[in-house]
N, C-alpha and C. Protein backbone atom coordinates (compact mmCIF):
# COMPACT_ATOMS: atom_id res chain seq x y z
N MET A 1 138.05 139.99 52.04
CA MET A 1 136.86 139.18 51.47
C MET A 1 137.40 137.76 51.70
N ARG A 2 138.55 137.40 51.71
CA ARG A 2 138.71 135.64 51.57
C ARG A 2 138.76 135.58 53.03
N LYS A 3 139.00 136.15 53.52
CA LYS A 3 138.69 136.01 55.24
C LYS A 3 137.46 135.96 55.82
N GLN A 4 136.51 136.31 55.01
CA GLN A 4 135.02 136.44 55.38
C GLN A 4 134.79 135.22 54.78
N MET A 5 135.10 134.88 53.86
CA MET A 5 134.75 133.52 52.81
C MET A 5 135.32 132.52 54.06
N LEU A 6 136.30 132.60 54.27
CA LEU A 6 136.79 131.36 55.16
C LEU A 6 136.00 131.25 56.38
N TYR A 7 135.54 132.39 57.09
CA TYR A 7 134.76 132.23 58.20
C TYR A 7 133.55 131.60 58.03
N ILE A 8 132.79 131.86 56.62
CA ILE A 8 131.48 131.30 56.53
C ILE A 8 131.83 130.01 56.44
N LEU A 9 132.89 129.47 55.71
CA LEU A 9 133.16 127.91 55.40
C LEU A 9 133.39 127.25 56.82
N LEU A 10 134.00 127.58 57.45
CA LEU A 10 134.39 127.03 58.67
C LEU A 10 133.01 127.17 59.61
N VAL A 11 132.29 128.03 59.53
CA VAL A 11 130.77 127.80 60.07
C VAL A 11 130.12 126.84 59.40
N LEU A 12 129.81 127.00 58.35
CA LEU A 12 129.14 125.72 57.66
C LEU A 12 129.45 124.45 57.87
N LEU A 13 130.77 124.11 57.97
CA LEU A 13 131.48 123.07 58.41
C LEU A 13 130.86 122.44 59.82
N GLY A 14 130.87 123.58 60.80
CA GLY A 14 131.17 123.14 61.85
C GLY A 14 129.35 122.71 61.82
N LEU A 15 128.24 123.54 61.34
CA LEU A 15 127.07 122.96 61.61
C LEU A 15 126.93 121.75 60.47
N SER A 16 127.31 121.59 59.65
CA SER A 16 127.42 120.31 59.10
C SER A 16 127.84 118.87 60.04
N MET A 17 128.89 119.14 61.01
CA MET A 17 129.50 118.27 61.47
C MET A 17 128.40 117.91 62.81
N GLN A 18 128.04 119.11 63.30
CA GLN A 18 126.82 118.99 64.29
C GLN A 18 125.44 118.29 63.92
N HIS A 19 125.21 118.61 62.60
CA HIS A 19 123.91 117.69 61.77
C HIS A 19 124.37 116.37 61.93
N ALA A 20 125.48 116.13 61.26
CA ALA A 20 125.88 114.62 61.14
C ALA A 20 125.86 113.80 62.52
N SER A 21 126.41 114.73 63.58
CA SER A 21 126.38 113.69 64.97
C SER A 21 124.89 113.89 65.48
N TYR A 22 124.07 114.53 65.08
CA TYR A 22 122.98 114.50 65.57
C TYR A 22 121.75 113.54 64.62
N ALA A 23 122.07 113.27 63.55
CA ALA A 23 121.92 112.22 62.83
C ALA A 23 122.26 110.68 63.53
N GLU A 24 123.28 110.82 63.63
CA GLU A 24 123.71 109.58 64.14
C GLU A 24 123.39 109.18 65.40
N LEU A 25 122.92 110.07 66.38
CA LEU A 25 122.51 109.70 67.37
C LEU A 25 120.88 109.61 67.30
N THR A 26 120.18 110.20 66.65
CA THR A 26 118.91 109.69 66.10
C THR A 26 118.76 108.18 65.48
N SER A 27 119.94 107.85 64.49
CA SER A 27 119.54 106.76 64.07
C SER A 27 119.84 105.37 64.99
N THR A 28 120.76 105.99 66.15
CA THR A 28 121.05 105.01 67.10
C THR A 28 119.90 104.52 67.84
N GLU A 29 119.29 105.68 68.43
CA GLU A 29 118.33 105.74 69.17
C GLU A 29 116.94 104.97 68.33
N GLN A 30 116.83 105.18 67.31
CA GLN A 30 115.65 104.66 66.08
C GLN A 30 116.29 102.84 66.32
N LEU A 31 117.66 102.76 66.19
CA LEU A 31 117.69 100.99 66.19
C LEU A 31 117.77 100.40 67.72
N LEU A 32 117.88 101.35 68.54
CA LEU A 32 117.66 100.97 70.03
C LEU A 32 116.28 100.33 69.89
N ALA A 33 115.42 101.44 69.72
CA ALA A 33 113.79 101.20 69.88
C ALA A 33 113.43 100.06 68.83
N GLU A 34 113.84 100.26 67.92
CA GLU A 34 113.66 99.19 66.74
C GLU A 34 113.86 97.47 67.34
N MET A 35 115.14 97.42 68.04
CA MET A 35 115.57 96.30 68.62
C MET A 35 114.66 95.70 70.04
N ALA A 36 114.29 96.88 70.64
CA ALA A 36 113.25 96.45 71.57
C ALA A 36 111.87 96.07 71.27
N THR A 37 111.39 96.44 69.98
CA THR A 37 110.33 96.01 69.53
C THR A 37 110.56 94.60 68.81
N VAL A 38 111.65 94.36 68.43
CA VAL A 38 112.06 92.93 67.86
C VAL A 38 112.08 92.17 68.98
N GLN A 39 112.60 92.36 70.13
CA GLN A 39 112.71 91.38 71.26
C GLN A 39 111.26 91.14 71.83
N GLY A 40 110.19 92.01 71.47
CA GLY A 40 108.94 91.68 72.11
C GLY A 40 107.96 91.01 71.40
N ASN A 41 108.32 90.71 69.89
CA ASN A 41 107.80 89.99 68.94
C ASN A 41 108.34 88.84 68.86
N LYS A 42 107.77 87.70 69.05
CA LYS A 42 108.64 86.34 68.87
C LYS A 42 108.75 86.07 67.27
N TYR A 43 108.31 86.42 66.30
CA TYR A 43 108.33 86.11 65.02
C TYR A 43 109.27 87.09 64.54
N LEU A 44 109.53 88.16 64.93
CA LEU A 44 110.93 89.26 64.71
C LEU A 44 111.94 88.71 65.13
N LEU A 45 111.62 88.20 66.60
CA LEU A 45 112.64 87.71 67.19
C LEU A 45 113.49 86.61 66.85
N LYS A 46 112.75 85.66 66.12
CA LYS A 46 113.02 84.43 65.81
C LYS A 46 113.92 84.48 64.26
N GLU A 47 113.57 85.69 63.45
CA GLU A 47 114.21 86.04 62.43
C GLU A 47 115.57 86.58 62.99
N SER A 48 115.57 87.56 63.90
CA SER A 48 116.78 88.26 64.23
C SER A 48 117.60 87.56 64.65
N VAL A 49 117.53 86.46 65.25
CA VAL A 49 118.44 85.45 65.82
C VAL A 49 118.96 84.69 65.14
N GLU A 50 118.18 84.12 64.19
CA GLU A 50 118.78 83.50 62.95
C GLU A 50 119.76 84.26 62.11
N ALA A 51 119.43 85.49 61.63
CA ALA A 51 120.33 86.30 60.92
C ALA A 51 121.59 86.54 61.95
N GLY A 52 121.67 86.81 63.18
CA GLY A 52 122.52 87.00 64.00
C GLY A 52 123.41 85.75 64.34
N LYS A 53 122.85 84.52 64.10
CA LYS A 53 123.55 83.51 64.05
C LYS A 53 124.61 83.19 63.11
N GLU A 54 123.80 83.54 62.16
CA GLU A 54 124.65 83.40 60.52
C GLU A 54 125.86 84.49 60.49
N ARG A 55 125.72 85.82 60.87
CA ARG A 55 126.34 86.46 61.10
C ARG A 55 127.54 86.67 62.24
N SER A 56 127.35 85.73 63.01
CA SER A 56 128.25 85.58 64.09
C SER A 56 129.30 84.75 64.01
N ILE A 57 129.74 84.03 62.79
CA ILE A 57 130.25 82.66 62.65
C ILE A 57 131.58 83.27 63.38
N LEU A 58 132.38 84.34 62.82
CA LEU A 58 133.74 84.91 63.11
C LEU A 58 133.72 85.03 64.51
N CYS A 59 132.58 85.71 65.27
CA CYS A 59 132.98 85.75 66.85
C CYS A 59 133.20 84.31 67.57
N GLY A 60 132.47 83.17 67.17
CA GLY A 60 132.94 81.84 67.89
C GLY A 60 134.23 81.60 67.75
N ASN A 61 135.05 82.17 67.27
CA ASN A 61 136.50 81.79 67.49
C ASN A 61 137.08 82.20 68.62
N CYS A 62 136.52 83.14 69.55
CA CYS A 62 136.72 83.58 70.67
C CYS A 62 135.72 83.53 71.56
N HIS A 63 134.45 83.96 71.42
CA HIS A 63 133.39 83.92 72.01
C HIS A 63 132.53 82.82 72.14
N GLY A 64 132.76 81.69 71.30
CA GLY A 64 132.23 80.78 71.43
C GLY A 64 130.61 80.64 70.36
N LYS A 65 130.58 79.48 69.89
CA LYS A 65 129.34 79.64 68.91
C LYS A 65 128.25 80.26 69.48
N ASP A 66 127.82 80.04 70.68
CA ASP A 66 126.85 80.00 71.49
C ASP A 66 127.32 81.42 72.52
N GLY A 67 128.35 82.05 72.46
CA GLY A 67 128.31 83.30 73.31
C GLY A 67 129.16 82.96 74.81
N ASN A 68 129.37 81.47 74.71
CA ASN A 68 130.00 81.28 76.02
C ASN A 68 131.61 81.03 75.43
N SER A 69 132.65 82.14 75.92
CA SER A 69 133.64 82.12 75.39
C SER A 69 134.64 80.68 75.59
N VAL A 70 135.64 80.70 75.03
CA VAL A 70 136.29 79.68 74.82
C VAL A 70 137.90 79.39 75.30
N ARG A 71 138.08 80.72 75.98
CA ARG A 71 139.14 81.00 77.07
C ARG A 71 138.51 82.12 78.10
N ASP A 72 139.38 81.65 79.30
CA ASP A 72 138.85 82.21 80.71
C ASP A 72 139.20 83.47 80.50
N TYR A 73 140.12 84.26 79.63
CA TYR A 73 140.05 85.65 79.83
C TYR A 73 139.31 86.35 78.83
N ILE A 74 138.37 85.90 78.12
CA ILE A 74 137.72 86.46 77.13
C ILE A 74 136.27 86.64 77.42
N PRO A 75 135.41 87.68 77.30
CA PRO A 75 133.87 87.48 77.86
C PRO A 75 133.16 86.54 77.37
N ASN A 76 131.86 86.35 78.20
CA ASN A 76 131.05 85.62 77.58
C ASN A 76 129.95 86.59 76.62
N LEU A 77 129.37 86.25 75.73
CA LEU A 77 128.66 87.42 75.26
C LEU A 77 127.09 86.54 75.40
N ALA A 78 126.97 85.31 75.80
CA ALA A 78 125.65 84.71 75.97
C ALA A 78 125.13 85.36 77.31
N SER A 79 123.65 85.61 77.14
CA SER A 79 122.67 86.50 77.70
C SER A 79 123.06 87.57 78.13
N GLN A 80 123.88 88.30 77.48
CA GLN A 80 124.21 89.91 77.73
C GLN A 80 123.06 90.50 77.20
N ASN A 81 123.13 91.71 77.67
CA ASN A 81 122.06 92.76 77.51
C ASN A 81 122.22 93.24 75.74
N ALA A 82 121.27 93.30 74.83
CA ALA A 82 121.28 93.45 73.76
C ALA A 82 121.93 94.90 73.35
N ALA A 83 121.27 95.71 73.90
CA ALA A 83 121.48 97.27 73.69
C ALA A 83 122.89 97.50 74.09
N TYR A 84 123.42 96.89 75.26
CA TYR A 84 124.99 97.16 75.98
C TYR A 84 125.69 96.48 74.54
N LEU A 85 125.37 95.32 74.14
CA LEU A 85 126.00 94.51 73.32
C LEU A 85 126.44 95.72 71.99
N PHE A 86 125.19 96.15 71.42
CA PHE A 86 125.15 97.03 70.29
C PHE A 86 125.95 97.92 70.30
N ASN A 87 125.86 99.02 71.77
CA ASN A 87 126.63 100.01 71.73
C ASN A 87 128.21 99.91 72.01
N GLN A 88 128.53 98.65 72.32
CA GLN A 88 130.06 98.22 72.44
C GLN A 88 130.58 97.95 70.90
N PHE A 89 129.52 97.55 70.15
CA PHE A 89 129.94 97.29 68.72
C PHE A 89 130.21 98.56 68.14
N GLU A 90 129.38 99.52 68.39
CA GLU A 90 129.46 100.95 67.75
C GLU A 90 130.67 101.53 68.50
N LEU A 91 130.94 101.32 69.81
CA LEU A 91 132.28 101.79 70.45
C LEU A 91 133.66 101.50 69.52
N PHE A 92 133.69 100.04 69.28
CA PHE A 92 134.83 99.59 68.88
C PHE A 92 134.66 100.11 67.21
N ALA A 93 133.87 100.38 66.59
CA ALA A 93 133.73 100.65 65.40
C ALA A 93 134.33 101.99 65.21
N ILE A 94 134.00 103.17 66.26
CA ILE A 94 134.23 104.40 65.99
C ILE A 94 135.67 104.66 66.55
N GLY A 95 136.36 103.46 67.29
CA GLY A 95 137.67 103.57 67.66
C GLY A 95 137.46 104.14 69.40
N GLU A 96 136.42 104.48 70.05
CA GLU A 96 136.21 104.53 71.20
C GLU A 96 136.69 103.60 72.12
N ARG A 97 136.50 102.50 71.72
CA ARG A 97 137.22 101.05 72.49
C ARG A 97 138.32 100.68 71.63
N LYS A 98 139.32 99.97 72.15
CA LYS A 98 140.10 99.29 71.00
C LYS A 98 140.76 98.08 71.54
N ASP A 99 140.60 97.37 70.37
CA ASP A 99 140.77 95.91 70.63
C ASP A 99 141.14 95.47 69.20
N TYR A 100 142.25 94.61 68.91
CA TYR A 100 143.09 94.48 67.77
C TYR A 100 141.76 93.63 66.83
N VAL A 101 141.51 92.83 67.26
CA VAL A 101 140.32 91.98 66.43
C VAL A 101 138.97 92.60 66.76
N MET A 102 138.61 93.17 67.57
CA MET A 102 137.02 93.54 67.36
C MET A 102 137.02 95.12 66.81
N SER A 103 138.03 95.65 66.98
CA SER A 103 137.67 97.00 66.10
C SER A 103 137.65 96.75 64.68
N LYS A 104 138.48 95.59 64.27
CA LYS A 104 138.24 95.43 62.67
C LYS A 104 137.23 94.66 62.40
N LEU A 105 136.46 93.98 63.32
CA LEU A 105 135.16 93.10 62.79
C LEU A 105 134.36 94.15 63.05
N ALA A 106 134.17 95.08 63.99
CA ALA A 106 133.33 95.88 64.13
C ALA A 106 133.04 97.03 63.21
N LYS A 107 133.99 97.11 62.50
CA LYS A 107 133.98 98.25 61.19
C LYS A 107 133.57 97.52 60.02
N ASN A 108 133.52 96.14 60.02
CA ASN A 108 132.94 95.31 58.85
C ASN A 108 131.36 95.10 59.05
N LEU A 109 130.67 95.35 59.90
CA LEU A 109 129.62 94.83 60.31
C LEU A 109 128.81 96.11 59.79
N THR A 110 127.42 95.80 59.15
CA THR A 110 126.49 96.92 58.95
C THR A 110 125.80 97.01 60.44
N ARG A 111 124.82 98.16 60.62
CA ARG A 111 124.49 98.20 61.80
C ARG A 111 123.57 97.51 62.30
N GLN A 112 122.58 96.74 61.13
CA GLN A 112 121.81 95.82 61.32
C GLN A 112 122.34 94.49 61.59
N ASP A 113 123.87 94.18 61.08
CA ASP A 113 124.60 93.15 61.75
C ASP A 113 124.58 93.02 62.83
N LYS A 114 124.78 94.52 63.58
CA LYS A 114 125.16 94.44 65.00
C LYS A 114 124.07 94.36 65.67
N VAL A 115 122.91 94.60 65.37
CA VAL A 115 121.63 94.59 66.25
C VAL A 115 121.31 92.75 66.15
N ASN A 116 121.39 92.54 64.91
CA ASN A 116 121.14 90.86 64.95
C ASN A 116 121.62 89.96 66.06
N ILE A 117 123.59 90.36 65.55
CA ILE A 117 124.23 89.47 66.65
C ILE A 117 124.02 89.73 67.96
N ALA A 118 123.72 91.19 68.39
CA ALA A 118 123.44 91.36 69.85
C ALA A 118 122.30 90.77 70.34
N ILE A 119 121.07 90.65 69.56
CA ILE A 119 119.82 89.97 70.12
C ILE A 119 119.98 88.57 70.00
N TYR A 120 121.04 87.83 69.19
CA TYR A 120 121.15 86.67 68.83
C TYR A 120 122.12 86.28 70.27
N TYR A 121 122.85 86.86 70.82
CA TYR A 121 123.63 86.15 71.73
C TYR A 121 122.80 86.48 73.04
N SER A 122 121.82 87.47 72.89
CA SER A 122 121.08 87.61 74.34
C SER A 122 120.34 86.80 74.62
N GLN A 123 119.90 85.96 73.56
CA GLN A 123 119.27 84.79 73.58
C GLN A 123 119.68 83.31 74.25
N MET A 124 121.03 83.59 74.11
CA MET A 124 121.71 82.17 74.40
C MET A 124 122.02 82.27 75.88
N PRO A 125 121.82 80.67 76.52
CA PRO A 125 122.05 80.76 78.07
C PRO A 125 123.61 80.81 78.36
N VAL A 126 123.78 81.25 79.55
CA VAL A 126 125.54 81.14 80.02
C VAL A 126 125.49 79.87 80.73
N ILE A 127 126.39 79.03 80.03
CA ILE A 127 126.94 77.73 80.73
C ILE A 127 127.94 77.99 81.83
N PRO A 128 127.55 77.53 83.06
CA PRO A 128 128.40 77.87 84.21
C PRO A 128 129.95 77.19 83.91
N ARG A 129 130.83 77.89 84.47
CA ARG A 129 132.56 77.58 84.42
C ARG A 129 132.82 76.66 85.38
N SER A 130 133.73 75.84 85.13
CA SER A 130 134.19 74.90 86.76
C SER A 130 135.42 76.12 87.37
N GLU A 131 136.03 77.04 86.42
CA GLU A 131 137.07 78.00 87.54
C GLU A 131 136.28 79.37 87.74
N THR A 132 135.75 79.16 89.01
CA THR A 132 135.09 80.39 89.32
C THR A 132 135.83 81.08 90.90
N GLY A 133 137.05 80.77 90.95
CA GLY A 133 137.89 81.61 92.07
C GLY A 133 137.50 80.60 93.36
N ASP A 134 138.22 80.97 94.46
CA ASP A 134 138.06 80.71 95.67
C ASP A 134 136.66 80.72 96.19
N VAL A 135 136.11 79.69 96.99
CA VAL A 135 134.39 79.45 97.91
C VAL A 135 134.51 80.89 98.99
N SER A 136 135.84 80.79 99.57
CA SER A 136 135.59 81.90 100.84
C SER A 136 135.90 83.14 100.27
N SER A 137 136.53 83.28 99.02
CA SER A 137 136.85 84.51 98.48
C SER A 137 135.33 85.09 98.12
N SER A 138 134.58 84.14 97.51
CA SER A 138 133.53 84.41 97.12
C SER A 138 132.24 84.91 98.41
N VAL A 139 132.43 84.67 99.02
CA VAL A 139 131.78 84.83 100.29
C VAL A 139 131.70 86.27 100.83
N LYS A 140 133.48 86.83 100.84
CA LYS A 140 133.64 88.06 101.38
C LYS A 140 133.23 88.81 99.99
N GLY A 141 133.48 88.35 99.03
CA GLY A 141 133.24 89.26 97.65
C GLY A 141 131.45 89.59 97.66
N LYS A 142 130.82 88.88 98.12
CA LYS A 142 129.59 89.23 98.19
C LYS A 142 129.10 90.32 98.69
N GLN A 143 129.72 90.39 99.95
CA GLN A 143 129.44 91.90 101.15
C GLN A 143 130.07 93.20 100.11
N ILE A 144 131.36 93.22 99.35
CA ILE A 144 131.60 94.09 98.68
C ILE A 144 130.57 94.36 97.38
N TYR A 145 130.13 93.59 96.63
CA TYR A 145 129.38 93.56 95.66
C TYR A 145 127.81 94.37 96.21
N GLN A 146 127.58 93.71 97.37
CA GLN A 146 126.11 94.60 97.63
C GLN A 146 126.24 95.82 98.33
N SER A 147 127.42 96.28 98.38
CA SER A 147 127.54 97.83 98.93
C SER A 147 127.91 98.69 98.03
N LEU A 148 128.47 98.09 96.90
CA LEU A 148 129.41 98.83 95.61
C LEU A 148 128.89 98.53 94.49
N CYS A 149 128.29 97.15 94.11
CA CYS A 149 128.05 97.00 92.82
C CYS A 149 126.78 97.23 92.38
N PHE A 150 125.90 96.61 92.95
CA PHE A 150 124.51 96.33 92.83
C PHE A 150 123.74 97.47 92.26
N THR A 151 123.91 98.94 92.47
CA THR A 151 123.48 100.12 91.94
C THR A 151 123.30 99.90 90.36
N CYS A 152 124.42 99.69 89.78
CA CYS A 152 124.69 99.83 88.11
C CYS A 152 124.09 98.25 87.84
N HIS A 153 124.51 97.19 87.97
CA HIS A 153 124.79 95.75 87.80
C HIS A 153 123.37 95.26 88.35
N GLN A 154 122.83 95.82 89.27
CA GLN A 154 121.55 95.30 89.92
C GLN A 154 121.92 93.91 90.90
N LYS A 155 121.05 93.67 91.68
CA LYS A 155 121.34 92.67 92.64
C LYS A 155 121.75 91.21 92.12
N ASP A 156 120.96 90.73 91.04
CA ASP A 156 121.44 89.65 90.44
C ASP A 156 122.60 89.64 89.46
N GLY A 157 123.18 90.64 89.40
CA GLY A 157 124.16 90.90 88.19
C GLY A 157 124.19 91.01 86.71
N HIS A 158 122.81 91.17 86.53
CA HIS A 158 122.18 91.08 85.28
C HIS A 158 122.23 92.57 84.53
N GLY A 159 122.53 93.40 85.12
CA GLY A 159 122.32 94.75 84.60
C GLY A 159 121.27 95.31 83.93
N ASP A 160 121.19 96.24 82.90
CA ASP A 160 120.37 96.56 81.91
C ASP A 160 120.58 97.03 80.61
N GLY A 161 120.08 97.85 79.87
CA GLY A 161 120.62 98.08 78.64
C GLY A 161 121.52 99.04 78.81
N ASN A 162 121.97 99.80 79.50
CA ASN A 162 123.09 100.57 79.84
C ASN A 162 124.12 100.18 80.40
N TYR A 163 124.25 99.32 81.07
CA TYR A 163 125.12 98.44 82.09
C TYR A 163 125.16 96.82 81.94
N PRO A 164 126.28 96.33 81.64
CA PRO A 164 126.57 94.84 81.20
C PRO A 164 126.00 93.76 82.28
N ARG A 165 125.85 92.75 81.90
CA ARG A 165 125.48 91.63 82.91
C ARG A 165 126.59 91.27 83.03
N ILE A 166 127.34 91.15 84.20
CA ILE A 166 128.47 90.53 84.71
C ILE A 166 128.66 89.16 85.43
N ALA A 167 127.04 88.73 85.93
CA ALA A 167 127.07 87.48 86.43
C ALA A 167 127.46 86.39 85.48
N GLY A 168 128.33 85.29 85.98
CA GLY A 168 128.30 84.21 85.38
C GLY A 168 129.49 84.54 84.12
N GLN A 169 130.36 85.47 84.43
CA GLN A 169 131.60 85.88 83.42
C GLN A 169 132.68 85.38 84.17
N PRO A 170 133.41 85.01 83.03
CA PRO A 170 135.00 84.01 83.45
C PRO A 170 135.62 84.88 84.87
N TYR A 171 136.12 84.20 85.78
CA TYR A 171 136.70 84.55 86.64
C TYR A 171 138.13 85.24 86.07
N LYS A 172 138.77 84.71 85.36
CA LYS A 172 139.93 85.23 84.94
C LYS A 172 139.66 86.48 84.08
N TYR A 173 138.65 86.66 83.59
CA TYR A 173 138.09 87.97 82.60
C TYR A 173 137.87 88.94 83.84
N LEU A 174 137.44 88.64 84.67
CA LEU A 174 136.52 89.85 85.43
C LEU A 174 137.75 90.38 86.42
N VAL A 175 138.67 89.16 86.75
CA VAL A 175 139.74 90.13 87.66
C VAL A 175 140.89 90.80 86.46
N LYS A 176 141.04 90.54 85.34
CA LYS A 176 141.58 91.08 84.48
C LYS A 176 141.01 92.49 84.37
N THR A 177 139.71 92.54 84.07
CA THR A 177 138.91 93.75 83.92
C THR A 177 139.04 94.63 84.97
N LEU A 178 138.70 94.24 86.15
CA LEU A 178 138.76 94.99 87.43
C LEU A 178 140.34 95.50 87.99
N GLU A 179 141.27 94.50 87.41
CA GLU A 179 142.52 95.47 87.84
C GLU A 179 142.94 96.35 86.55
N SER A 180 142.49 96.26 85.42
CA SER A 180 142.71 97.19 84.28
C SER A 180 142.06 98.63 84.67
N PHE A 181 140.83 98.69 85.56
CA PHE A 181 140.17 99.86 85.91
C PHE A 181 140.99 100.45 87.19
N SER A 182 141.62 99.46 87.95
CA SER A 182 142.19 100.20 89.19
C SER A 182 143.70 100.37 88.84
N GLY A 183 144.29 99.87 87.57
CA GLY A 183 145.60 100.31 87.50
C GLY A 183 145.97 101.26 86.24
N GLY A 184 145.10 102.32 86.58
CA GLY A 184 145.17 103.45 85.54
C GLY A 184 145.42 103.13 84.18
N ASP A 185 144.70 102.12 83.17
CA ASP A 185 144.66 101.82 82.16
C ASP A 185 143.95 103.49 81.87
N LYS A 186 144.74 104.03 80.38
CA LYS A 186 144.61 105.14 79.87
C LYS A 186 143.08 104.95 79.25
N ASP A 187 142.56 104.01 78.81
CA ASP A 187 141.35 104.20 78.00
C ASP A 187 140.07 103.81 78.94
N ARG A 188 140.57 103.19 80.28
CA ARG A 188 139.46 103.50 80.98
C ARG A 188 139.20 104.36 82.53
N VAL A 189 140.37 105.20 82.46
CA VAL A 189 140.13 106.05 83.43
C VAL A 189 139.06 107.03 83.78
N ASN A 190 138.16 106.99 82.40
CA ASN A 190 136.95 107.90 82.74
C ASN A 190 135.89 107.26 83.18
N SER A 191 135.91 106.08 83.35
CA SER A 191 134.56 104.98 83.46
C SER A 191 134.28 104.93 85.17
N PRO A 192 132.88 105.31 85.17
CA PRO A 192 132.74 105.38 86.58
C PRO A 192 133.54 103.93 87.46
N MET A 193 133.73 102.84 86.88
CA MET A 193 134.28 101.84 87.45
C MET A 193 135.71 102.29 88.06
N ALA A 194 136.36 103.04 87.22
CA ALA A 194 137.69 103.73 87.88
C ALA A 194 137.26 104.12 89.46
N VAL A 195 136.05 104.72 89.47
CA VAL A 195 136.14 105.32 90.71
C VAL A 195 135.88 104.49 91.75
N ILE A 196 134.85 103.73 91.35
CA ILE A 196 134.40 102.54 92.11
C ILE A 196 135.54 101.54 92.68
N VAL A 197 136.35 101.40 92.01
CA VAL A 197 137.70 100.38 92.64
C VAL A 197 138.88 100.66 93.22
N ALA A 198 138.55 102.45 92.94
CA ALA A 198 139.94 103.01 93.61
C ALA A 198 140.39 102.77 94.81
N ASN A 199 139.69 102.40 95.63
CA ASN A 199 139.98 102.01 97.00
C ASN A 199 139.97 100.60 97.66
N MET A 200 139.75 99.90 96.36
CA MET A 200 139.76 98.67 96.57
C MET A 200 141.34 97.82 96.42
N ASN A 201 141.79 96.81 96.91
CA ASN A 201 142.91 96.48 96.91
C ASN A 201 142.73 95.22 96.09
N ASN A 202 143.89 94.50 95.49
CA ASN A 202 143.95 93.42 94.70
C ASN A 202 143.09 92.16 95.23
N GLU A 203 143.70 92.00 96.57
CA GLU A 203 142.61 90.82 97.32
C GLU A 203 141.26 91.07 96.93
N GLN A 204 140.74 92.06 97.18
CA GLN A 204 139.34 92.72 97.25
C GLN A 204 138.60 92.54 95.90
N LEU A 205 139.27 92.79 94.72
CA LEU A 205 138.88 92.68 93.30
C LEU A 205 138.77 91.22 93.05
N LYS A 206 139.82 90.30 93.42
CA LYS A 206 139.53 88.81 93.27
C LYS A 206 138.05 88.00 93.97
N GLU A 207 137.85 88.88 95.09
CA GLU A 207 137.04 88.22 95.91
C GLU A 207 135.55 88.77 95.26
N VAL A 208 135.39 90.14 94.69
CA VAL A 208 134.43 90.13 93.97
C VAL A 208 134.27 89.41 92.93
N ALA A 209 135.15 89.06 92.17
CA ALA A 209 135.42 88.57 91.00
C ALA A 209 134.88 86.94 91.16
N ALA A 210 135.31 86.41 92.21
CA ALA A 210 135.04 85.10 92.65
C ALA A 210 133.23 85.00 92.92
N TYR A 211 133.07 85.96 93.70
CA TYR A 211 131.42 86.08 94.00
C TYR A 211 130.76 86.32 92.70
N VAL A 212 131.01 87.24 91.97
CA VAL A 212 130.23 87.54 90.55
C VAL A 212 130.21 86.38 89.72
N ALA A 213 131.66 85.71 89.60
CA ALA A 213 131.84 84.56 88.29
C ALA A 213 130.64 83.42 88.97
N ARG A 214 130.17 83.19 90.56
CA ARG A 214 129.26 82.24 90.30
C ARG A 214 127.75 82.37 90.70
N MET A 215 127.62 83.96 90.29
CA MET A 215 126.24 84.28 90.04
C MET A 215 125.79 83.38 88.82
N PRO A 216 124.43 83.24 88.85
CA PRO A 216 123.75 82.65 87.81
C PRO A 216 123.19 83.46 86.86
């Protein structure tokens, strides 16, 4: 009898967890749909940007007040795709992405905060940086980019809701990120990027980074 009760409890627990996962997925889809609605309405967009600016104060220490990072090894958030940013906040919050600072911040933000901050940064313009890598490397990097990268990140490097905008990111950040994909970083081994860069040498990674850093 006890075995039967234990079995029933485990089944119910499993169903409960499945229901919770489905509810979370639905909630995320609803938020992304609402985000798209906000972005298409100038009045709602203005309110969201103002709310996001207010809640992004702590982010400015690393990513800059307007989303243009203050250090070359930290990514710009300015002009980043809002849906992509929101999803990254969620991944940091649940531990699928790990960073000492971002993991803590993401857990202390409400989901509406994440939406507003993502929309705020998506509306900020990227400011070109002076350090963008070697010009000759950029020319070679263009050929590599056009053969391997444009499918996901688009020809202009602006990506879409599922893939990030990489155009105009800091050169050092791009190099560091590409090297982490090619260097067997355990947190990145399942990313499609790991497959893309698997056959690229370090010089080619720098060439692509130089090209992407110069993209408007």
